[in-house]
Amino acid sequence: MTDISNPNWIVAQSHALKIGFLILACNEELVIQKTIQSIQQSLQTSDTLIVVADNCDDQTARIAENAGVLVLKREDRNAPGKSAVLVWLVEQHKDLLRTFDFIVILDADSILTDNFSNELKRHITQTDLVLQCQLVPSEYEGSPISTLIALSELIEQTVFQRLRSRLGLSVRLRGTGMIFKPDTLINFAPKLQTNVEDIALSLLLVEGKIQIRSLTSPSIYDPKPSDQNAATRQRARWFRGQWNSLWKFRHTVWNLVFRGPDGWSMLGAIFLKPRWLKLLLLAFLGVLFIRHPVLSAICFGLVAFDLVPILVGIFLLPHPGRFFKALVHLPGFILMWIKGIVLSIRSKTWLRVRATNTVENSNSNDGILR
């Protein structure tokens, strides 16, 4: 009989796991090589790296092929975006996906921490169905606005997401660093009806009573836009994605209202954003209801409920002084968000953040959601 309490057996089982690393890439020749090198340094013999070259007009596919990566090419200009890619994958390459124990979905600019695959296999279990890796903001130090963007994401993950995990609640998916059991992805991907696949999958999974577990190790470095226009486009994408999903998945949202804490937590994590806007509205209501002490106290209490963990969280971060200094630029950060909200309403197409060498994106801010 095999002794499963034997640490050597556990290590052997861990290394036997087959992980498929999946990069969904559309015109990413400027960043794809660096990402591939990062992943290849982490791969173990049982792992496979796959690049889906989606509607590419540049050298993304050739760069990946020259690096020895399995490349799947998709051409469908009528159905752009990562959600459409995932639907296509489960329709056309279901058997390939099922050859893996787990599938890690990454952005084309995601950089893995050292020894990622080995660490992942140490922390993952066969009972896990969906997980979200910790994202570590990078390349933000040169800009106060980028530093505030990084701060927002760090606080969200290290404070609020960790609190949800401690309470046994699901965390929201973040687009990159998403990990799926193949059959779970195969079952849920066909239900995607929006370009914001991370929001849609988060809602659908919680509705389906599938927990999304947070992994604090290993981590993925997630570059932040240093250009304010790029950051504005990113906010526009997110804001439109929220409302697009709220409408298209309104029946799912309605079901989650009655799901209890896990449903409420997920709805709050997705739709009660940006956090600064929620806090301003609560503070305004607190002042508005000043003649009604109970209502006013509730509003200001909710403000404190968010602000206190944020302040404590900043002190717990490495180099907290850097982030406190960046708070001086909070008005600029809010202005960036306001511009993004306006842009999300005015623009007719999904907006691209990263630059490409393709003609269609060289003179325009419009593009596929990436």
Protein backbone atom coordinates (compact mmCIF):
# COMPACT_ATOMS: atom_id res chain seq x y z
CA MET A 1 0.00 0.00 0.00
CA THR A 2 1.27 3.49 -0.87
CA ASP A 3 1.98 5.64 2.17
CA ILE A 4 0.50 9.01 1.20
CA SER A 5 1.84 10.54 4.45
CA ASN A 6 5.37 10.00 3.14
CA PRO A 7 6.80 13.44 2.12
CA ASN A 8 8.70 11.82 -0.75
CA TRP A 9 5.45 10.46 -2.17
CA ILE A 10 3.86 13.92 -1.92
CA VAL A 11 6.81 15.49 -3.78
CA ALA A 12 6.63 12.80 -6.47
CA GLN A 13 2.92 13.40 -6.96
CA SER A 14 3.52 17.15 -7.13
CA HIS A 15 6.11 16.84 -9.89
CA ALA A 16 3.86 14.41 -11.79
CA LEU A 17 1.18 17.07 -12.25
CA LYS A 18 0.91 18.23 -15.85
CA ILE A 19 0.41 21.98 -16.14
CA GLY A 20 -0.54 23.72 -19.36
CA PHE A 21 0.55 27.36 -19.49
CA LEU A 22 -1.68 29.22 -21.91
CA ILE A 23 -0.92 32.68 -23.33
CA LEU A 24 -3.72 34.40 -25.24
CA ALA A 25 -1.96 36.86 -27.56
CA CYS A 26 -3.17 39.33 -30.17
CA ASN A 27 -0.38 41.34 -31.86
CA GLU A 28 2.02 41.00 -28.94
CA GLU A 29 5.39 40.84 -30.72
CA LEU A 30 6.78 43.63 -28.51
CA VAL A 31 6.40 41.63 -25.27
CA ILE A 32 5.84 37.97 -26.12
CA GLN A 33 9.49 36.90 -26.24
CA LYS A 34 10.24 38.17 -22.72
CA THR A 35 7.15 36.41 -21.39
CA ILE A 36 8.01 33.12 -23.11
CA GLN A 37 11.54 33.21 -21.69
CA SER A 38 10.16 33.84 -18.20
CA ILE A 39 7.80 30.87 -18.44
CA GLN A 40 10.30 28.50 -20.03
CA GLN A 41 12.71 29.06 -17.13
CA SER A 42 9.99 27.81 -14.81
CA LEU A 43 8.71 24.84 -16.81
CA GLN A 44 9.20 21.31 -15.61
CA THR A 45 9.36 18.31 -17.94
CA SER A 46 5.67 17.53 -17.47
CA ASP A 47 4.60 21.09 -18.38
CA THR A 48 3.69 22.60 -21.75
CA LEU A 49 3.59 26.20 -22.92
CA ILE A 50 0.95 27.09 -25.51
CA VAL A 51 0.51 30.43 -27.29
CA VAL A 52 -2.78 31.17 -29.00
CA ALA A 53 -2.02 33.68 -31.77
CA ASP A 54 -5.42 35.31 -32.04
CA ASN A 55 -6.08 37.37 -35.18
CA CYS A 56 -2.42 38.39 -35.30
CA ASP A 57 -1.11 40.72 -38.00
CA ASP A 58 2.45 40.82 -36.64
CA GLN A 59 5.24 38.37 -35.77
CA THR A 60 3.73 37.02 -32.54
CA ALA A 61 3.24 33.49 -33.92
CA ARG A 62 6.68 33.35 -35.58
CA ILE A 63 8.46 34.50 -32.40
CA ALA A 64 6.65 31.86 -30.36
CA GLU A 65 7.35 29.11 -32.90
CA ASN A 66 11.04 30.03 -33.02
CA ALA A 67 11.13 29.71 -29.24
CA GLY A 68 9.90 26.12 -29.53
CA VAL A 69 6.42 26.85 -28.21
CA LEU A 70 3.25 25.08 -29.33
CA VAL A 71 1.32 27.72 -31.28
CA LEU A 72 -2.40 27.59 -32.05
CA LYS A 73 -3.52 30.11 -34.66
CA ARG A 74 -7.01 31.53 -34.66
CA GLU A 75 -8.53 33.72 -37.37
CA ASP A 76 -11.99 35.07 -36.73
CA ARG A 77 -12.31 38.84 -37.16
CA ASN A 78 -16.02 38.68 -36.37
CA ALA A 79 -15.38 37.39 -32.85
CA PRO A 80 -12.40 39.18 -31.28
CA GLY A 81 -11.34 39.13 -27.66
CA LYS A 82 -10.23 36.69 -24.97
CA SER A 83 -13.70 35.34 -24.25
CA ALA A 84 -14.09 34.34 -27.89
CA VAL A 85 -10.64 32.71 -27.78
CA LEU A 86 -11.63 30.62 -24.76
CA VAL A 87 -14.86 29.54 -26.44
CA TRP A 88 -12.87 28.57 -29.56
CA LEU A 89 -10.32 26.66 -27.48
CA VAL A 90 -12.87 24.46 -25.76
CA GLU A 91 -14.66 23.85 -29.04
CA GLN A 92 -11.61 23.10 -31.19
CA HIS A 93 -8.99 21.84 -28.72
CA LYS A 94 -10.95 20.16 -25.95
CA ASP A 95 -8.85 16.98 -26.13
CA LEU A 96 -5.61 18.96 -25.83
CA LEU A 97 -6.88 20.82 -22.76
CA ARG A 98 -7.83 17.53 -21.11
CA THR A 99 -4.27 16.22 -21.34
CA PHE A 100 -3.37 18.57 -18.45
CA ASP A 101 -4.20 18.40 -14.77
CA PHE A 102 -4.46 22.19 -14.61
CA ILE A 103 -4.37 25.09 -17.06
CA VAL A 104 -2.79 28.45 -16.19
CA ILE A 105 -4.07 31.37 -18.28
CA LEU A 106 -1.65 34.27 -18.65
CA ASP A 107 -1.46 37.66 -20.33
CA ALA A 108 1.19 38.21 -22.98
CA ASP A 109 3.17 40.53 -20.67
CA SER A 110 2.98 38.43 -17.48
CA ILE A 111 6.34 37.58 -15.92
CA LEU A 112 6.51 34.61 -13.56
CA THR A 113 8.41 34.54 -10.30
CA ASP A 114 11.34 32.14 -10.05
CA ASN A 115 10.51 28.45 -9.70
CA PHE A 116 6.84 29.21 -10.45
CA SER A 117 5.83 25.75 -11.64
CA ASN A 118 7.40 23.94 -8.70
CA GLU A 119 5.83 26.35 -6.21
CA LEU A 120 2.45 26.06 -7.91
CA LYS A 121 2.52 22.28 -7.65
CA ARG A 122 3.38 22.52 -3.96
CA HIS A 123 0.37 24.70 -3.17
CA ILE A 124 -2.25 23.26 -5.50
CA THR A 125 -4.42 20.24 -4.66
CA GLN A 126 -6.36 17.82 -6.81
CA THR A 127 -9.60 18.99 -5.16
CA ASP A 128 -9.07 22.54 -6.45
CA LEU A 129 -11.19 23.48 -9.44
CA VAL A 130 -10.36 27.18 -9.93
CA LEU A 131 -7.61 29.31 -8.40
CA GLN A 132 -6.29 32.84 -8.76
CA CYS A 133 -2.59 33.60 -8.38
CA GLN A 134 -1.34 36.64 -6.53
CA LEU A 135 -0.43 39.46 -8.93
CA VAL A 136 2.53 41.64 -7.95
CA PRO A 137 2.44 45.08 -9.60
CA SER A 138 5.68 45.95 -11.37
CA GLU A 139 7.21 48.79 -13.41
CA TYR A 140 5.25 51.45 -11.54
CA GLU A 141 7.96 53.25 -9.53
CA GLY A 142 8.62 56.00 -12.07
CA SER A 143 5.12 57.48 -11.99
CA PRO A 144 3.03 58.64 -8.97
CA ILE A 145 -0.20 57.68 -10.79
CA SER A 146 1.17 54.21 -11.60
CA THR A 147 2.24 53.90 -7.95
CA LEU A 148 -1.34 54.63 -6.85
CA ILE A 149 -2.62 52.06 -9.35
CA ALA A 150 -0.19 49.54 -7.86
CA LEU A 151 -1.26 50.54 -4.33
CA SER A 152 -4.91 49.99 -5.18
CA GLU A 153 -4.23 46.48 -6.45
CA LEU A 154 -1.88 45.59 -3.60
CA ILE A 155 -4.43 46.64 -0.98
CA GLU A 156 -7.19 44.78 -2.79
CA GLN A 157 -5.19 41.55 -2.81
CA THR A 158 -3.30 41.72 0.48
CA VAL A 159 -6.19 43.07 2.59
CA PHE A 160 -9.64 42.53 1.13
CA GLN A 161 -8.92 39.43 -0.94
CA ARG A 162 -7.08 37.82 1.96
CA LEU A 163 -10.01 38.61 4.26
CA ARG A 164 -12.38 36.89 1.83
CA SER A 165 -10.12 33.83 1.77
CA ARG A 166 -10.01 33.68 5.57
CA LEU A 167 -13.81 33.70 5.59
CA GLY A 168 -13.92 30.86 3.05
CA LEU A 169 -15.32 33.11 0.30
CA SER A 170 -14.38 33.09 -3.36
CA VAL A 171 -12.02 35.72 -4.76
CA ARG A 172 -12.55 37.30 -8.15
CA LEU A 173 -10.53 36.23 -11.18
CA ARG A 174 -8.09 38.81 -12.57
CA GLY A 175 -7.58 37.89 -16.22
CA THR A 176 -4.02 36.64 -15.77
CA GLY A 177 -2.86 33.99 -13.33
CA MET A 178 -6.20 32.18 -13.56
CA ILE A 179 -5.92 28.43 -12.98
CA PHE A 180 -8.56 25.90 -14.01
CA LYS A 181 -9.16 22.21 -13.93
CA PRO A 182 -9.70 21.54 -17.67
CA ASP A 183 -13.25 20.23 -17.34
CA THR A 184 -14.27 23.27 -15.30
CA LEU A 185 -12.99 25.59 -18.03
CA ILE A 186 -14.64 23.42 -20.69
CA ASN A 187 -17.97 23.58 -18.86
CA PHE A 188 -18.03 27.33 -18.22
CA ALA A 189 -16.20 28.95 -21.16
CA PRO A 190 -19.09 28.40 -23.64
CA LYS A 191 -21.29 30.57 -21.40
CA LEU A 192 -19.14 33.66 -21.94
CA GLN A 193 -21.06 36.50 -23.61
CA THR A 194 -18.75 39.46 -23.02
CA ASN A 195 -15.15 40.49 -23.69
CA VAL A 196 -14.38 40.68 -19.97
CA GLU A 197 -13.85 36.99 -19.41
CA ASP A 198 -12.52 37.37 -15.87
CA ILE A 199 -15.66 39.13 -14.60
CA ALA A 200 -17.98 36.77 -16.46
CA LEU A 201 -16.23 33.63 -15.23
CA SER A 202 -16.13 34.95 -11.65
CA LEU A 203 -19.90 35.48 -11.68
CA LEU A 204 -20.71 32.19 -13.39
CA LEU A 205 -18.46 30.10 -11.15
CA VAL A 206 -19.90 31.50 -7.91
CA GLU A 207 -23.40 31.02 -9.30
CA GLY A 208 -22.41 27.41 -10.02
CA LYS A 209 -21.22 27.02 -6.39
CA ILE A 210 -17.59 26.55 -7.46
CA GLN A 211 -15.12 28.22 -5.13
CA ILE A 212 -12.32 30.36 -6.57
CA ARG A 213 -9.41 29.89 -4.18
CA SER A 214 -6.68 32.49 -3.76
CA LEU A 215 -3.02 31.46 -3.99
CA THR A 216 -0.51 33.70 -2.23
CA SER A 217 2.38 31.72 -3.73
CA PRO A 218 3.65 31.61 -6.42
CA SER A 219 3.17 35.12 -7.79
CA ILE A 220 3.08 36.80 -11.18
CA TYR A 221 4.61 40.18 -11.95
CA ASP A 222 1.97 42.34 -13.57
CA PRO A 223 3.34 45.50 -15.27
CA LYS A 224 1.40 48.72 -14.67
CA PRO A 225 0.94 51.30 -17.43
CA SER A 226 3.43 54.13 -16.96
CA ASP A 227 1.70 56.36 -19.51
CA GLN A 228 -1.36 58.17 -18.14
CA ASN A 229 -3.26 57.79 -21.43
CA ALA A 230 -2.72 54.02 -21.30
CA ALA A 231 -3.89 53.98 -17.68
CA THR A 232 -7.00 55.94 -18.68
CA ARG A 233 -7.78 53.42 -21.42
CA GLN A 234 -7.34 50.60 -18.93
CA ARG A 235 -9.85 52.22 -16.55
CA ALA A 236 -12.24 52.73 -19.46
CA ARG A 237 -12.01 49.03 -20.28
CA TRP A 238 -12.68 48.01 -16.71
CA PHE A 239 -15.59 50.38 -16.19
CA ARG A 240 -17.29 49.36 -19.42
CA GLY A 241 -16.62 45.73 -18.63
CA GLN A 242 -18.37 46.09 -15.27
CA TRP A 243 -21.55 47.53 -16.74
CA ASN A 244 -21.47 45.30 -19.80
CA SER A 245 -21.31 42.26 -17.52
CA LEU A 246 -23.96 43.66 -15.17
CA TRP A 247 -26.39 43.79 -18.10
CA LYS A 248 -25.48 40.62 -19.98
CA PHE A 249 -25.31 38.53 -16.81
CA ARG A 250 -28.17 40.26 -15.03
CA HIS A 251 -29.90 36.95 -14.28
CA THR A 252 -26.68 35.59 -12.76
CA VAL A 253 -26.26 38.80 -10.75
CA TRP A 254 -29.84 38.49 -9.51
CA ASN A 255 -29.21 34.89 -8.45
CA LEU A 256 -26.09 35.96 -6.54
CA VAL A 257 -28.08 38.53 -4.59
CA PHE A 258 -29.87 35.58 -2.96
CA ARG A 259 -26.77 33.36 -2.74
CA GLY A 260 -25.64 34.71 0.62
CA PRO A 261 -22.16 35.88 1.67
CA ASP A 262 -20.28 34.31 -1.25
CA GLY A 263 -22.60 35.95 -3.77
CA TRP A 264 -22.59 39.31 -1.99
CA SER A 265 -18.80 39.24 -1.66
CA MET A 266 -18.31 38.58 -5.36
CA LEU A 267 -20.79 41.27 -6.41
CA GLY A 268 -19.01 43.76 -4.17
CA ALA A 269 -15.57 42.77 -5.46
CA ILE A 270 -16.66 43.33 -9.06
CA PHE A 271 -19.23 46.11 -9.11
CA LEU A 272 -18.51 48.32 -6.08
CA LYS A 273 -15.53 49.83 -7.89
CA PRO A 274 -13.72 52.13 -8.06
CA ARG A 275 -13.40 52.08 -4.29
CA TRP A 276 -12.68 55.83 -4.03
CA LEU A 277 -16.00 56.58 -5.75
CA LYS A 278 -17.87 54.32 -3.33
CA LEU A 279 -16.20 56.07 -0.37
CA LEU A 280 -17.01 59.53 -1.73
CA LEU A 281 -20.66 58.58 -2.26
CA LEU A 282 -20.93 57.13 1.26
CA ALA A 283 -19.32 60.25 2.76
CA PHE A 284 -21.71 62.46 0.76
CA LEU A 285 -24.69 60.45 2.01
CA GLY A 286 -23.33 60.70 5.55
CA VAL A 287 -23.34 64.49 5.27
CA LEU A 288 -26.73 64.50 3.51
CA PHE A 289 -28.29 62.47 6.33
CA ILE A 290 -26.61 64.46 9.10
CA ARG A 291 -30.04 65.24 10.62
CA HIS A 292 -30.72 61.51 10.78
CA PRO A 293 -27.98 60.28 13.15
CA VAL A 294 -28.55 56.57 12.60
CA LEU A 295 -28.37 56.76 8.79
CA SER A 296 -25.43 59.16 8.92
CA ALA A 297 -23.56 56.90 11.36
CA ILE A 298 -24.12 53.90 9.09
CA CYS A 299 -22.66 55.76 6.08
CA PHE A 300 -19.60 57.02 7.95
CA GLY A 301 -19.19 53.60 9.57
CA LEU A 302 -19.01 51.99 6.14
CA VAL A 303 -16.40 54.57 5.12
CA ALA A 304 -14.31 53.69 8.18
CA PHE A 305 -14.82 49.97 7.47
CA ASP A 306 -12.92 50.46 4.18
CA LEU A 307 -10.46 53.19 5.17
CA VAL A 308 -9.03 51.56 8.30
CA PRO A 309 -7.94 48.32 6.54
CA ILE A 310 -6.48 50.40 3.69
CA LEU A 311 -4.33 52.48 6.06
CA VAL A 312 -3.23 49.42 8.02
CA GLY A 313 -2.51 47.63 4.75
CA ILE A 314 -0.22 50.41 3.53
CA PHE A 315 1.88 50.16 6.71
CA LEU A 316 2.26 46.42 6.13
CA LEU A 317 3.55 46.85 2.56
CA PRO A 318 7.26 47.03 1.78
CA HIS A 319 8.41 50.67 1.60
CA PRO A 320 5.13 52.20 2.84
CA GLY A 321 6.59 55.70 2.64
CA ARG A 322 6.65 55.46 -1.16
CA PHE A 323 2.90 54.88 -1.22
CA PHE A 324 2.06 57.56 1.34
CA LYS A 325 4.02 60.08 -0.77
CA ALA A 326 2.06 59.03 -3.85
CA LEU A 327 -1.21 59.82 -2.05
CA VAL A 328 -0.44 63.51 -2.66
CA HIS A 329 -1.30 62.77 -6.30
CA LEU A 330 -4.70 61.25 -5.42
CA PRO A 331 -6.60 64.04 -7.25
CA GLY A 332 -4.74 63.13 -10.45
CA PHE A 333 -5.59 59.47 -9.88
CA ILE A 334 -9.27 60.33 -9.49
CA LEU A 335 -9.11 62.55 -12.60
CA MET A 336 -7.63 59.64 -14.54
CA TRP A 337 -10.57 57.48 -13.46
CA ILE A 338 -13.09 60.15 -14.43
CA LYS A 339 -11.48 60.42 -17.89
CA GLY A 340 -11.64 56.64 -18.16
CA ILE A 341 -15.32 56.57 -17.27
CA VAL A 342 -16.07 59.25 -19.88
CA LEU A 343 -13.97 57.39 -22.46
CA SER A 344 -15.80 54.13 -21.71
CA ILE A 345 -19.06 55.86 -22.65
CA ARG A 346 -17.77 57.71 -25.71
CA SER A 347 -15.63 55.03 -27.38
CA LYS A 348 -17.39 52.58 -29.68
CA THR A 349 -14.84 49.77 -29.38
CA TRP A 350 -12.89 48.00 -26.66
CA LEU A 351 -9.68 49.83 -25.86
CA ARG A 352 -6.18 48.45 -25.99
CA VAL A 353 -3.60 49.39 -23.35
CA ARG A 354 -0.34 47.99 -24.73
CA ALA A 355 1.15 49.42 -27.92
CA THR A 356 1.66 47.27 -31.02
CA ASN A 357 3.58 47.59 -34.25
CA THR A 358 0.53 46.94 -36.40
CA VAL A 359 -0.83 49.64 -38.65
CA GLU A 360 -4.36 49.43 -37.29
CA ASN A 361 -3.24 50.40 -33.79
CA SER A 362 -0.37 52.77 -34.52
CA ASN A 363 -2.57 55.84 -34.93
CA SER A 364 -5.57 54.94 -32.82
CA ASN A 365 -6.51 54.33 -29.24
CA ASP A 366 -9.17 51.84 -30.27
CA GLY A 367 -8.53 48.14 -30.45
CA ILE A 368 -9.35 44.73 -29.08
CA LEU A 369 -9.64 44.28 -25.34
CA ARG A 370 -6.23 43.09 -24.08
